[in-house]
Amino acid sequence: EAEELYEALVQFFTLFCEYQTQNFYLAGEAYAASSIAHTAKKIDAENAKGSLKINLKGFVLGSPFLDFQYAMKNQVEFYYNLGLIDKKQSKVLQIELDKGLR
């Protein structure tokens, strides 16, 4: 996805060259976080090559979902503490989650 996003940005800044010197920030939330981070890395790499320069100043990630295993690690306990599941459901879910995370 980073490659496609980068190519779209190149097209944009080629068509609207008056924006090339403006500070540019990427932003995304949840599942977009990974794409945003990879796109920022791609922009940085291409800028170093002397390609069309995108004046990237930073990126913002809102509620990033970057690592499934890390994100799911404490979900069962979280649901239990909220009262969404009981103790029996908690045990069953934790067993299944542990199987899936192996």
PDB file of N, CA and C in Angstrom:
ATOM      1  N   GLU A   1       0.802  -1.202   0.000  1.00  0.00           N
ATOM      2  CA  GLU A   1       0.000   0.000   0.000  1.00  0.00           C
ATOM      3  C   GLU A   1       0.845   1.266   0.000  1.00  0.00           C
ATOM      4  N   ALA A   2       1.995   1.210   0.663  1.00  0.00           N
ATOM      5  CA  ALA A   2       2.855   2.398   0.738  1.00  0.00           C
ATOM      6  C   ALA A   2       3.289   2.843  -0.648  1.00  0.00           C
ATOM      7  N   GLU A   3       3.580   1.882  -1.507  1.00  0.00           N
ATOM      8  CA  GLU A   3       4.011   2.205  -2.873  1.00  0.00           C
ATOM      9  C   GLU A   3       2.902   2.943  -3.622  1.00  0.00           C
ATOM     10  N   GLU A   4       1.673   2.443  -3.505  1.00  0.00           N
ATOM     11  CA  GLU A   4       0.541   3.074  -4.188  1.00  0.00           C
ATOM     12  C   GLU A   4       0.257   4.467  -3.627  1.00  0.00           C
ATOM     13  N   LEU A   5       0.311   4.594  -2.317  1.00  0.00           N
ATOM     14  CA  LEU A   5       0.096   5.915  -1.709  1.00  0.00           C
ATOM     15  C   LEU A   5       1.176   6.896  -2.144  1.00  0.00           C
ATOM     16  N   TYR A   6       2.417   6.413  -2.180  1.00  0.00           N
ATOM     17  CA  TYR A   6       3.511   7.278  -2.616  1.00  0.00           C
ATOM     18  C   TYR A   6       3.292   7.731  -4.063  1.00  0.00           C
ATOM     19  N   GLU A   7       2.929   6.800  -4.934  1.00  0.00           N
ATOM     20  CA  GLU A   7       2.695   7.155  -6.344  1.00  0.00           C
ATOM     21  C   GLU A   7       1.555   8.163  -6.485  1.00  0.00           C
ATOM     22  N   ALA A   8       0.512   8.016  -5.685  1.00  0.00           N
ATOM     23  CA  ALA A   8      -0.594   8.981  -5.719  1.00  0.00           C
ATOM     24  C   ALA A   8      -0.114  10.361  -5.281  1.00  0.00           C
ATOM     25  N   LEU A   9       0.735  10.404  -4.273  1.00  0.00           N
ATOM     26  CA  LEU A   9       1.281  11.684  -3.813  1.00  0.00           C
ATOM     27  C   LEU A   9       2.179  12.318  -4.868  1.00  0.00           C
ATOM     28  N   VAL A  10       2.974  11.502  -5.544  1.00  0.00           N
ATOM     29  CA  VAL A  10       3.825  12.022  -6.626  1.00  0.00           C
ATOM     30  C   VAL A  10       2.954  12.638  -7.710  1.00  0.00           C
ATOM     31  N   GLN A  11       1.882  11.953  -8.080  1.00  0.00           N
ATOM     32  CA  GLN A  11       0.975  12.500  -9.095  1.00  0.00           C
ATOM     33  C   GLN A  11       0.366  13.818  -8.623  1.00  0.00           C
ATOM     34  N   PHE A  12      -0.066  13.848  -7.362  1.00  0.00           N
ATOM     35  CA  PHE A  12      -0.661  15.069  -6.826  1.00  0.00           C
ATOM     36  C   PHE A  12       0.327  16.225  -6.875  1.00  0.00           C
ATOM     37  N   PHE A  13       1.546  16.002  -6.357  1.00  0.00           N
ATOM     38  CA  PHE A  13       2.526  17.085  -6.294  1.00  0.00           C
ATOM     39  C   PHE A  13       3.089  17.443  -7.667  1.00  0.00           C
ATOM     40  N   THR A  14       2.957  16.549  -8.632  1.00  0.00           N
ATOM     41  CA  THR A  14       3.338  16.871 -10.004  1.00  0.00           C
ATOM     42  C   THR A  14       2.277  17.774 -10.633  1.00  0.00           C
ATOM     43  N   LEU A  15       1.029  17.432 -10.410  1.00  0.00           N
ATOM     44  CA  LEU A  15      -0.069  18.240 -10.957  1.00  0.00           C
ATOM     45  C   LEU A  15      -0.208  19.590 -10.252  1.00  0.00           C
ATOM     46  N   PHE A  16       0.026  19.600  -8.961  1.00  0.00           N
ATOM     47  CA  PHE A  16      -0.136  20.816  -8.163  1.00  0.00           C
ATOM     48  C   PHE A  16       1.203  21.181  -7.534  1.00  0.00           C
ATOM     49  N   CYS A  17       2.152  21.533  -8.379  1.00  0.00           N
ATOM     50  CA  CYS A  17       3.530  21.783  -7.934  1.00  0.00           C
ATOM     51  C   CYS A  17       3.629  22.955  -6.954  1.00  0.00           C
ATOM     52  N   GLU A  18       2.626  23.811  -6.919  1.00  0.00           N
ATOM     53  CA  GLU A  18       2.666  24.937  -5.982  1.00  0.00           C
ATOM     54  C   GLU A  18       2.624  24.469  -4.519  1.00  0.00           C
ATOM     55  N   TYR A  19       2.236  23.216  -4.299  1.00  0.00           N
ATOM     56  CA  TYR A  19       2.183  22.678  -2.938  1.00  0.00           C
ATOM     57  C   TYR A  19       3.449  21.920  -2.532  1.00  0.00           C
ATOM     58  N   GLN A  20       4.384  21.746  -3.449  1.00  0.00           N
ATOM     59  CA  GLN A  20       5.586  20.963  -3.147  1.00  0.00           C
ATOM     60  C   GLN A  20       6.413  21.543  -2.010  1.00  0.00           C
ATOM     61  N   THR A  21       6.409  22.834  -1.846  1.00  0.00           N
ATOM     62  CA  THR A  21       7.229  23.454  -0.799  1.00  0.00           C
ATOM     63  C   THR A  21       6.504  23.551   0.544  1.00  0.00           C
ATOM     64  N   GLN A  22       5.214  23.245   0.550  1.00  0.00           N
ATOM     65  CA  GLN A  22       4.439  23.300   1.798  1.00  0.00           C
ATOM     66  C   GLN A  22       4.831  22.146   2.719  1.00  0.00           C
ATOM     67  N   ASN A  23       4.770  22.385   4.024  1.00  0.00           N
ATOM     68  CA  ASN A  23       4.978  21.298   4.976  1.00  0.00           C
ATOM     69  C   ASN A  23       3.889  20.253   4.769  1.00  0.00           C
ATOM     70  N   PHE A  24       4.284  18.981   4.802  1.00  0.00           N
ATOM     71  CA  PHE A  24       3.347  17.889   4.539  1.00  0.00           C
ATOM     72  C   PHE A  24       3.360  16.906   5.707  1.00  0.00           C
ATOM     73  N   TYR A  25       2.175  16.568   6.177  1.00  0.00           N
ATOM     74  CA  TYR A  25       2.019  15.608   7.266  1.00  0.00           C
ATOM     75  C   TYR A  25       1.070  14.507   6.818  1.00  0.00           C
ATOM     76  N   LEU A  26       1.390  13.289   7.165  1.00  0.00           N
ATOM     77  CA  LEU A  26       0.493  12.163   6.934  1.00  0.00           C
ATOM     78  C   LEU A  26      -0.273  11.903   8.225  1.00  0.00           C
ATOM     79  N   ALA A  27      -1.509  11.448   8.111  1.00  0.00           N
ATOM     80  CA  ALA A  27      -2.289  11.121   9.298  1.00  0.00           C
ATOM     81  C   ALA A  27      -3.212   9.956   8.990  1.00  0.00           C
ATOM     82  N   GLY A  28      -3.425   9.134   9.979  1.00  0.00           N
ATOM     83  CA  GLY A  28      -4.333   8.004   9.836  1.00  0.00           C
ATOM     84  C   GLY A  28      -4.606   7.393  11.189  1.00  0.00           C
ATOM     85  N   GLU A  29      -5.656   6.587  11.243  1.00  0.00           N
ATOM     86  CA  GLU A  29      -5.974   5.949  12.513  1.00  0.00           C
ATOM     87  C   GLU A  29      -6.273   4.474  12.313  1.00  0.00           C
ATOM     88  N   ALA A  30      -6.213   3.759  13.400  1.00  0.00           N
ATOM     89  CA  ALA A  30      -6.519   2.329  13.446  1.00  0.00           C
ATOM     90  C   ALA A  30      -5.684   1.560  12.430  1.00  0.00           C
ATOM     91  N   TYR A  31      -6.343   0.881  11.497  1.00  0.00           N
ATOM     92  CA  TYR A  31      -5.632   0.026  10.548  1.00  0.00           C
ATOM     93  C   TYR A  31      -4.764   0.810   9.569  1.00  0.00           C
ATOM     94  N   ALA A  32      -5.046   2.075   9.375  1.00  0.00           N
ATOM     95  CA  ALA A  32      -4.241   2.897   8.458  1.00  0.00           C
ATOM     96  C   ALA A  32      -2.862   3.208   9.021  1.00  0.00           C
ATOM     97  N   ALA A  33      -2.681   3.017  10.312  1.00  0.00           N
ATOM     98  CA  ALA A  33      -1.418   3.388  10.958  1.00  0.00           C
ATOM     99  C   ALA A  33      -0.213   2.727  10.313  1.00  0.00           C
ATOM    100  N   SER A  34      -0.322   1.456  10.017  1.00  0.00           N
ATOM    101  CA  SER A  34       0.798   0.739   9.402  1.00  0.00           C
ATOM    102  C   SER A  34       1.115   1.312   8.026  1.00  0.00           C
ATOM    103  N   SER A  35       0.089   1.568   7.225  1.00  0.00           N
ATOM    104  CA  SER A  35       0.295   2.144   5.890  1.00  0.00           C
ATOM    105  C   SER A  35       0.922   3.526   5.976  1.00  0.00           C
ATOM    106  N   ILE A  36       0.478   4.324   6.927  1.00  0.00           N
ATOM    107  CA  ILE A  36       1.014   5.675   7.087  1.00  0.00           C
ATOM    108  C   ILE A  36       2.497   5.613   7.435  1.00  0.00           C
ATOM    109  N   ALA A  37       2.855   4.753   8.371  1.00  0.00           N
ATOM    110  CA  ALA A  37       4.261   4.632   8.768  1.00  0.00           C
ATOM    111  C   ALA A  37       5.131   4.161   7.605  1.00  0.00           C
ATOM    112  N   HIS A  38       4.659   3.175   6.847  1.00  0.00           N
ATOM    113  CA  HIS A  38       5.423   2.683   5.694  1.00  0.00           C
ATOM    114  C   HIS A  38       5.506   3.733   4.584  1.00  0.00           C
ATOM    115  N   THR A  39       4.448   4.494   4.404  1.00  0.00           N
ATOM    116  CA  THR A  39       4.464   5.549   3.390  1.00  0.00           C
ATOM    117  C   THR A  39       5.456   6.642   3.775  1.00  0.00           C
ATOM    118  N   ALA A  40       5.500   6.991   5.046  1.00  0.00           N
ATOM    119  CA  ALA A  40       6.481   7.989   5.507  1.00  0.00           C
ATOM    120  C   ALA A  40       7.898   7.500   5.239  1.00  0.00           C
ATOM    121  N   LYS A  41       8.147   6.235   5.497  1.00  0.00           N
ATOM    122  CA  LYS A  41       9.471   5.654   5.237  1.00  0.00           C
ATOM    123  C   LYS A  41       9.795   5.692   3.744  1.00  0.00           C
ATOM    124  N   LYS A  42       8.803   5.387   2.909  1.00  0.00           N
ATOM    125  CA  LYS A  42       8.982   5.414   1.451  1.00  0.00           C
ATOM    126  C   LYS A  42       9.282   6.838   0.980  1.00  0.00           C
ATOM    127  N   ILE A  43       8.555   7.812   1.481  1.00  0.00           N
ATOM    128  CA  ILE A  43       8.796   9.210   1.107  1.00  0.00           C
ATOM    129  C   ILE A  43      10.216   9.610   1.487  1.00  0.00           C
ATOM    130  N   ASP A  44      10.623   9.261   2.688  1.00  0.00           N
ATOM    131  CA  ASP A  44      11.969   9.588   3.154  1.00  0.00           C
ATOM    132  C   ASP A  44      13.031   8.957   2.248  1.00  0.00           C
ATOM    133  N   ALA A  45      12.835   7.701   1.881  1.00  0.00           N
ATOM    134  CA  ALA A  45      13.794   7.003   1.013  1.00  0.00           C
ATOM    135  C   ALA A  45      13.850   7.638  -0.375  1.00  0.00           C
ATOM    136  N   GLU A  46      12.702   7.964  -0.930  1.00  0.00           N
ATOM    137  CA  GLU A  46      12.659   8.566  -2.271  1.00  0.00           C
ATOM    138  C   GLU A  46      13.220   9.984  -2.252  1.00  0.00           C
ATOM    139  N   ASN A  47      12.958  10.730  -1.187  1.00  0.00           N
ATOM    140  CA  ASN A  47      13.539  12.073  -1.072  1.00  0.00           C
ATOM    141  C   ASN A  47      15.061  11.996  -1.058  1.00  0.00           C
ATOM    142  N   ALA A  48      15.609  10.986  -0.400  1.00  0.00           N
ATOM    143  CA  ALA A  48      17.069  10.816  -0.327  1.00  0.00           C
ATOM    144  C   ALA A  48      17.668  10.482  -1.690  1.00  0.00           C
ATOM    145  N   LYS A  49      16.869   9.842  -2.559  1.00  0.00           N
ATOM    146  CA  LYS A  49      17.336   9.489  -3.906  1.00  0.00           C
ATOM    147  C   LYS A  49      17.334  10.692  -4.844  1.00  0.00           C
ATOM    148  N   GLY A  50      16.738  11.772  -4.412  1.00  0.00           N
ATOM    149  CA  GLY A  50      16.662  12.952  -5.263  1.00  0.00           C
ATOM    150  C   GLY A  50      15.448  12.945  -6.169  1.00  0.00           C
ATOM    151  N   SER A  51      14.489  12.060  -5.871  1.00  0.00           N
ATOM    152  CA  SER A  51      13.242  12.037  -6.636  1.00  0.00           C
ATOM    153  C   SER A  51      12.465  13.313  -6.330  1.00  0.00           C
ATOM    154  N   LEU A  52      11.261  13.395  -6.843  1.00  0.00           N
ATOM    155  CA  LEU A  52      10.399  14.525  -6.519  1.00  0.00           C
ATOM    156  C   LEU A  52      10.353  14.667  -5.003  1.00  0.00           C
ATOM    157  N   LYS A  53      10.689  15.829  -4.502  1.00  0.00           N
ATOM    158  CA  LYS A  53      10.784  16.017  -3.052  1.00  0.00           C
ATOM    159  C   LYS A  53       9.420  16.331  -2.470  1.00  0.00           C
ATOM    160  N   ILE A  54       9.013  15.490  -1.531  1.00  0.00           N
ATOM    161  CA  ILE A  54       7.804  15.737  -0.751  1.00  0.00           C
ATOM    162  C   ILE A  54       8.285  16.241   0.602  1.00  0.00           C
ATOM    163  N   ASN A  55       7.822  17.410   0.996  1.00  0.00           N
ATOM    164  CA  ASN A  55       8.319  18.081   2.189  1.00  0.00           C
ATOM    165  C   ASN A  55       7.687  17.498   3.463  1.00  0.00           C
ATOM    166  N   LEU A  56       7.923  16.197   3.672  1.00  0.00           N
ATOM    167  CA  LEU A  56       7.340  15.489   4.811  1.00  0.00           C
ATOM    168  C   LEU A  56       7.938  15.991   6.121  1.00  0.00           C
ATOM    169  N   LYS A  57       7.082  16.452   7.001  1.00  0.00           N
ATOM    170  CA  LYS A  57       7.521  16.962   8.300  1.00  0.00           C
ATOM    171  C   LYS A  57       7.187  16.004   9.436  1.00  0.00           C
ATOM    172  N   GLY A  58       6.256  15.087   9.209  1.00  0.00           N
ATOM    173  CA  GLY A  58       5.904  14.140  10.255  1.00  0.00           C
ATOM    174  C   GLY A  58       4.639  13.388   9.920  1.00  0.00           C
ATOM    175  N   PHE A  59       4.249  12.515  10.849  1.00  0.00           N
ATOM    176  CA  PHE A  59       2.991  11.798  10.675  1.00  0.00           C
ATOM    177  C   PHE A  59       2.315  11.602  12.025  1.00  0.00           C
ATOM    178  N   VAL A  60       0.998  11.464  11.978  1.00  0.00           N
ATOM    179  CA  VAL A  60       0.182  11.331  13.172  1.00  0.00           C
ATOM    180  C   VAL A  60      -0.585  10.020  13.073  1.00  0.00           C
ATOM    181  N   LEU A  61      -0.538   9.236  14.153  1.00  0.00           N
ATOM    182  CA  LEU A  61      -1.272   7.978  14.197  1.00  0.00           C
ATOM    183  C   LEU A  61      -2.277   8.036  15.336  1.00  0.00           C
ATOM    184  N   GLY A  62      -3.541   7.906  15.007  1.00  0.00           N
ATOM    185  CA  GLY A  62      -4.578   7.898  16.026  1.00  0.00           C
ATOM    186  C   GLY A  62      -5.037   6.477  16.290  1.00  0.00           C
ATOM    187  N   SER A  63      -4.985   6.052  17.526  1.00  0.00           N
ATOM    188  CA  SER A  63      -5.372   4.691  17.910  1.00  0.00           C
ATOM    189  C   SER A  63      -4.763   3.651  16.971  1.00  0.00           C
ATOM    190  N   PRO A  64      -3.445   3.657  16.847  1.00  0.00           N
ATOM    191  CA  PRO A  64      -2.820   2.757  15.867  1.00  0.00           C
ATOM    192  C   PRO A  64      -3.008   1.287  16.203  1.00  0.00           C
ATOM    193  N   PHE A  65      -3.307   0.505  15.193  1.00  0.00           N
ATOM    194  CA  PHE A  65      -3.408  -0.949  15.303  1.00  0.00           C
ATOM    195  C   PHE A  65      -2.251  -1.506  14.492  1.00  0.00           C
ATOM    196  N   LEU A  66      -1.116  -1.713  15.166  1.00  0.00           N
ATOM    197  CA  LEU A  66       0.108  -2.094  14.471  1.00  0.00           C
ATOM    198  C   LEU A  66       0.468  -3.560  14.623  1.00  0.00           C
ATOM    199  N   ASP A  67       0.095  -4.154  15.742  1.00  0.00           N
ATOM    200  CA  ASP A  67       0.521  -5.517  16.029  1.00  0.00           C
ATOM    201  C   ASP A  67      -0.644  -6.289  16.635  1.00  0.00           C
ATOM    202  N   PHE A  68      -1.178  -7.244  15.878  1.00  0.00           N
ATOM    203  CA  PHE A  68      -2.350  -7.999  16.312  1.00  0.00           C
ATOM    204  C   PHE A  68      -2.104  -8.709  17.637  1.00  0.00           C
ATOM    205  N   GLN A  69      -0.966  -9.402  17.754  1.00  0.00           N
ATOM    206  CA  GLN A  69      -0.696 -10.165  18.973  1.00  0.00           C
ATOM    207  C   GLN A  69      -0.635  -9.254  20.198  1.00  0.00           C
ATOM    208  N   TYR A  70       0.033  -8.137  20.067  1.00  0.00           N
ATOM    209  CA  TYR A  70       0.129  -7.195  21.187  1.00  0.00           C
ATOM    210  C   TYR A  70      -1.253  -6.639  21.541  1.00  0.00           C
ATOM    211  N   ALA A  71      -2.007  -6.277  20.520  1.00  0.00           N
ATOM    212  CA  ALA A  71      -3.322  -5.685  20.750  1.00  0.00           C
ATOM    213  C   ALA A  71      -4.281  -6.673  21.413  1.00  0.00           C
ATOM    214  N   MET A  72      -4.177  -7.947  21.057  1.00  0.00           N
ATOM    215  CA  MET A  72      -5.103  -8.945  21.575  1.00  0.00           C
ATOM    216  C   MET A  72      -4.685  -9.533  22.919  1.00  0.00           C
ATOM    217  N   LYS A  73      -3.461  -9.302  23.315  1.00  0.00           N
ATOM    218  CA  LYS A  73      -2.887  -9.927  24.507  1.00  0.00           C
ATOM    219  C   LYS A  73      -3.776  -9.806  25.749  1.00  0.00           C
ATOM    220  N   ASN A  74      -4.328  -8.643  25.986  1.00  0.00           N
ATOM    221  CA  ASN A  74      -5.112  -8.406  27.205  1.00  0.00           C
ATOM    222  C   ASN A  74      -6.601  -8.180  26.951  1.00  0.00           C
ATOM    223  N   GLN A  75      -7.076  -8.519  25.765  1.00  0.00           N
ATOM    224  CA  GLN A  75      -8.470  -8.243  25.436  1.00  0.00           C
ATOM    225  C   GLN A  75      -9.450  -9.017  26.298  1.00  0.00           C
ATOM    226  N   VAL A  76      -9.156 -10.291  26.564  1.00  0.00           N
ATOM    227  CA  VAL A  76     -10.092 -11.097  27.349  1.00  0.00           C
ATOM    228  C   VAL A  76     -10.268 -10.498  28.746  1.00  0.00           C
ATOM    229  N   GLU A  77      -9.164 -10.154  29.384  1.00  0.00           N
ATOM    230  CA  GLU A  77      -9.238  -9.540  30.713  1.00  0.00           C
ATOM    231  C   GLU A  77      -9.989  -8.206  30.653  1.00  0.00           C
ATOM    232  N   PHE A  78      -9.765  -7.444  29.604  1.00  0.00           N
ATOM    233  CA  PHE A  78     -10.450  -6.164  29.416  1.00  0.00           C
ATOM    234  C   PHE A  78     -11.964  -6.374  29.319  1.00  0.00           C
ATOM    235  N   TYR A  79     -12.395  -7.334  28.494  1.00  0.00           N
ATOM    236  CA  TYR A  79     -13.827  -7.614  28.347  1.00  0.00           C
ATOM    237  C   TYR A  79     -14.436  -8.101  29.668  1.00  0.00           C
ATOM    238  N   TYR A  80     -13.678  -8.929  30.390  1.00  0.00           N
ATOM    239  CA  TYR A  80     -14.150  -9.434  31.689  1.00  0.00           C
ATOM    240  C   TYR A  80     -14.322  -8.279  32.684  1.00  0.00           C
ATOM    241  N   ASN A  81     -13.328  -7.414  32.751  1.00  0.00           N
ATOM    242  CA  ASN A  81     -13.387  -6.284  33.687  1.00  0.00           C
ATOM    243  C   ASN A  81     -14.514  -5.310  33.368  1.00  0.00           C
ATOM    244  N   LEU A  82     -14.896  -5.233  32.107  1.00  0.00           N
ATOM    245  CA  LEU A  82     -16.030  -4.384  31.727  1.00  0.00           C
ATOM    246  C   LEU A  82     -17.372  -5.051  32.014  1.00  0.00           C
ATOM    247  N   GLY A  83     -17.326  -6.345  32.344  1.00  0.00           N
ATOM    248  CA  GLY A  83     -18.560  -7.076  32.603  1.00  0.00           C
ATOM    249  C   GLY A  83     -19.229  -7.583  31.344  1.00  0.00           C
ATOM    250  N   LEU A  84     -18.512  -7.580  30.240  1.00  0.00           N
ATOM    251  CA  LEU A  84     -19.086  -8.039  28.976  1.00  0.00           C
ATOM    252  C   LEU A  84     -19.116  -9.558  28.873  1.00  0.00           C
ATOM    253  N   ILE A  85     -18.224 -10.229  29.603  1.00  0.00           N
ATOM    254  CA  ILE A  85     -18.191 -11.689  29.629  1.00  0.00           C
ATOM    255  C   ILE A  85     -18.019 -12.140  31.084  1.00  0.00           C
ATOM    256  N   ASP A  86     -18.486 -13.365  31.366  1.00  0.00           N
ATOM    257  CA  ASP A  86     -18.319 -13.886  32.725  1.00  0.00           C
ATOM    258  C   ASP A  86     -17.017 -14.681  32.829  1.00  0.00           C
ATOM    259  N   LYS A  87     -16.758 -15.237  34.022  1.00  0.00           N
ATOM    260  CA  LYS A  87     -15.494 -15.941  34.275  1.00  0.00           C
ATOM    261  C   LYS A  87     -15.336 -17.158  33.354  1.00  0.00           C
ATOM    262  N   LYS A  88     -16.412 -17.918  33.166  1.00  0.00           N
ATOM    263  CA  LYS A  88     -16.355 -19.108  32.302  1.00  0.00           C
ATOM    264  C   LYS A  88     -16.032 -18.703  30.859  1.00  0.00           C
ATOM    265  N   GLN A  89     -16.724 -17.699  30.351  1.00  0.00           N
ATOM    266  CA  GLN A  89     -16.458 -17.213  28.993  1.00  0.00           C
ATOM    267  C   GLN A  89     -15.031 -16.692  28.881  1.00  0.00           C
ATOM    268  N   SER A  90     -14.564 -16.045  29.934  1.00  0.00           N
ATOM    269  CA  SER A  90     -13.205 -15.514  29.954  1.00  0.00           C
ATOM    270  C   SER A  90     -12.180 -16.628  29.768  1.00  0.00           C
ATOM    271  N   LYS A  91     -12.367 -17.733  30.495  1.00  0.00           N
ATOM    272  CA  LYS A  91     -11.431 -18.862  30.392  1.00  0.00           C
ATOM    273  C   LYS A  91     -11.448 -19.473  28.993  1.00  0.00           C
ATOM    274  N   VAL A  92     -12.645 -19.676  28.449  1.00  0.00           N
ATOM    275  CA  VAL A  92     -12.771 -20.264  27.110  1.00  0.00           C
ATOM    276  C   VAL A  92     -12.132 -19.354  26.064  1.00  0.00           C
ATOM    277  N   LEU A  93     -12.437 -18.078  26.127  1.00  0.00           N
ATOM    278  CA  LEU A  93     -11.863 -17.127  25.168  1.00  0.00           C
ATOM    279  C   LEU A  93     -10.343 -17.056  25.275  1.00  0.00           C
ATOM    280  N   GLN A  94      -9.825 -17.079  26.502  1.00  0.00           N
ATOM    281  CA  GLN A  94      -8.372 -17.003  26.676  1.00  0.00           C
ATOM    282  C   GLN A  94      -7.690 -18.227  26.074  1.00  0.00           C
ATOM    283  N   ILE A  95      -8.277 -19.400  26.253  1.00  0.00           N
ATOM    284  CA  ILE A  95      -7.718 -20.624  25.660  1.00  0.00           C
ATOM    285  C   ILE A  95      -7.690 -20.507  24.143  1.00  0.00           C
ATOM    286  N   GLU A  96      -8.798 -20.075  23.551  1.00  0.00           N
ATOM    287  CA  GLU A  96      -8.870 -19.945  22.088  1.00  0.00           C
ATOM    288  C   GLU A  96      -7.925 -18.862  21.572  1.00  0.00           C
ATOM    289  N   LEU A  97      -7.843 -17.774  22.288  1.00  0.00           N
ATOM    290  CA  LEU A  97      -6.940 -16.694  21.891  1.00  0.00           C
ATOM    291  C   LEU A  97      -5.490 -17.162  21.940  1.00  0.00           C
ATOM    292  N   ASP A  98      -5.133 -17.867  23.003  1.00  0.00           N
ATOM    293  CA  ASP A  98      -3.765 -18.385  23.116  1.00  0.00           C
ATOM    294  C   ASP A  98      -3.431 -19.333  21.969  1.00  0.00           C
ATOM    295  N   LYS A  99      -4.406 -20.158  21.557  1.00  0.00           N
ATOM    296  CA  LYS A  99      -4.192 -21.061  20.410  1.00  0.00           C
ATOM    297  C   LYS A  99      -3.909 -20.247  19.148  1.00  0.00           C
ATOM    298  N   GLY A 100      -4.692 -19.211  18.952  1.00  0.00           N
ATOM    299  CA  GLY A 100      -4.551 -18.387  17.745  1.00  0.00           C
ATOM    300  C   GLY A 100      -3.284 -17.560  17.710  1.00  0.00           C
ATOM    301  N   LEU A 101      -2.740 -17.227  18.867  1.00  0.00           N
ATOM    302  CA  LEU A 101      -1.543 -16.385  18.920  1.00  0.00           C
ATOM    303  C   LEU A 101      -0.244 -17.178  18.844  1.00  0.00           C
ATOM    304  N   ARG A 102      -0.341 -18.490  18.832  1.00  0.00           N
ATOM    305  CA  ARG A 102       0.884 -19.306  18.719  1.00  0.00           C
ATOM    306  C   ARG A 102       1.442 -19.289  17.343  1.00  0.00           C
TER     307      ARG A 102
END
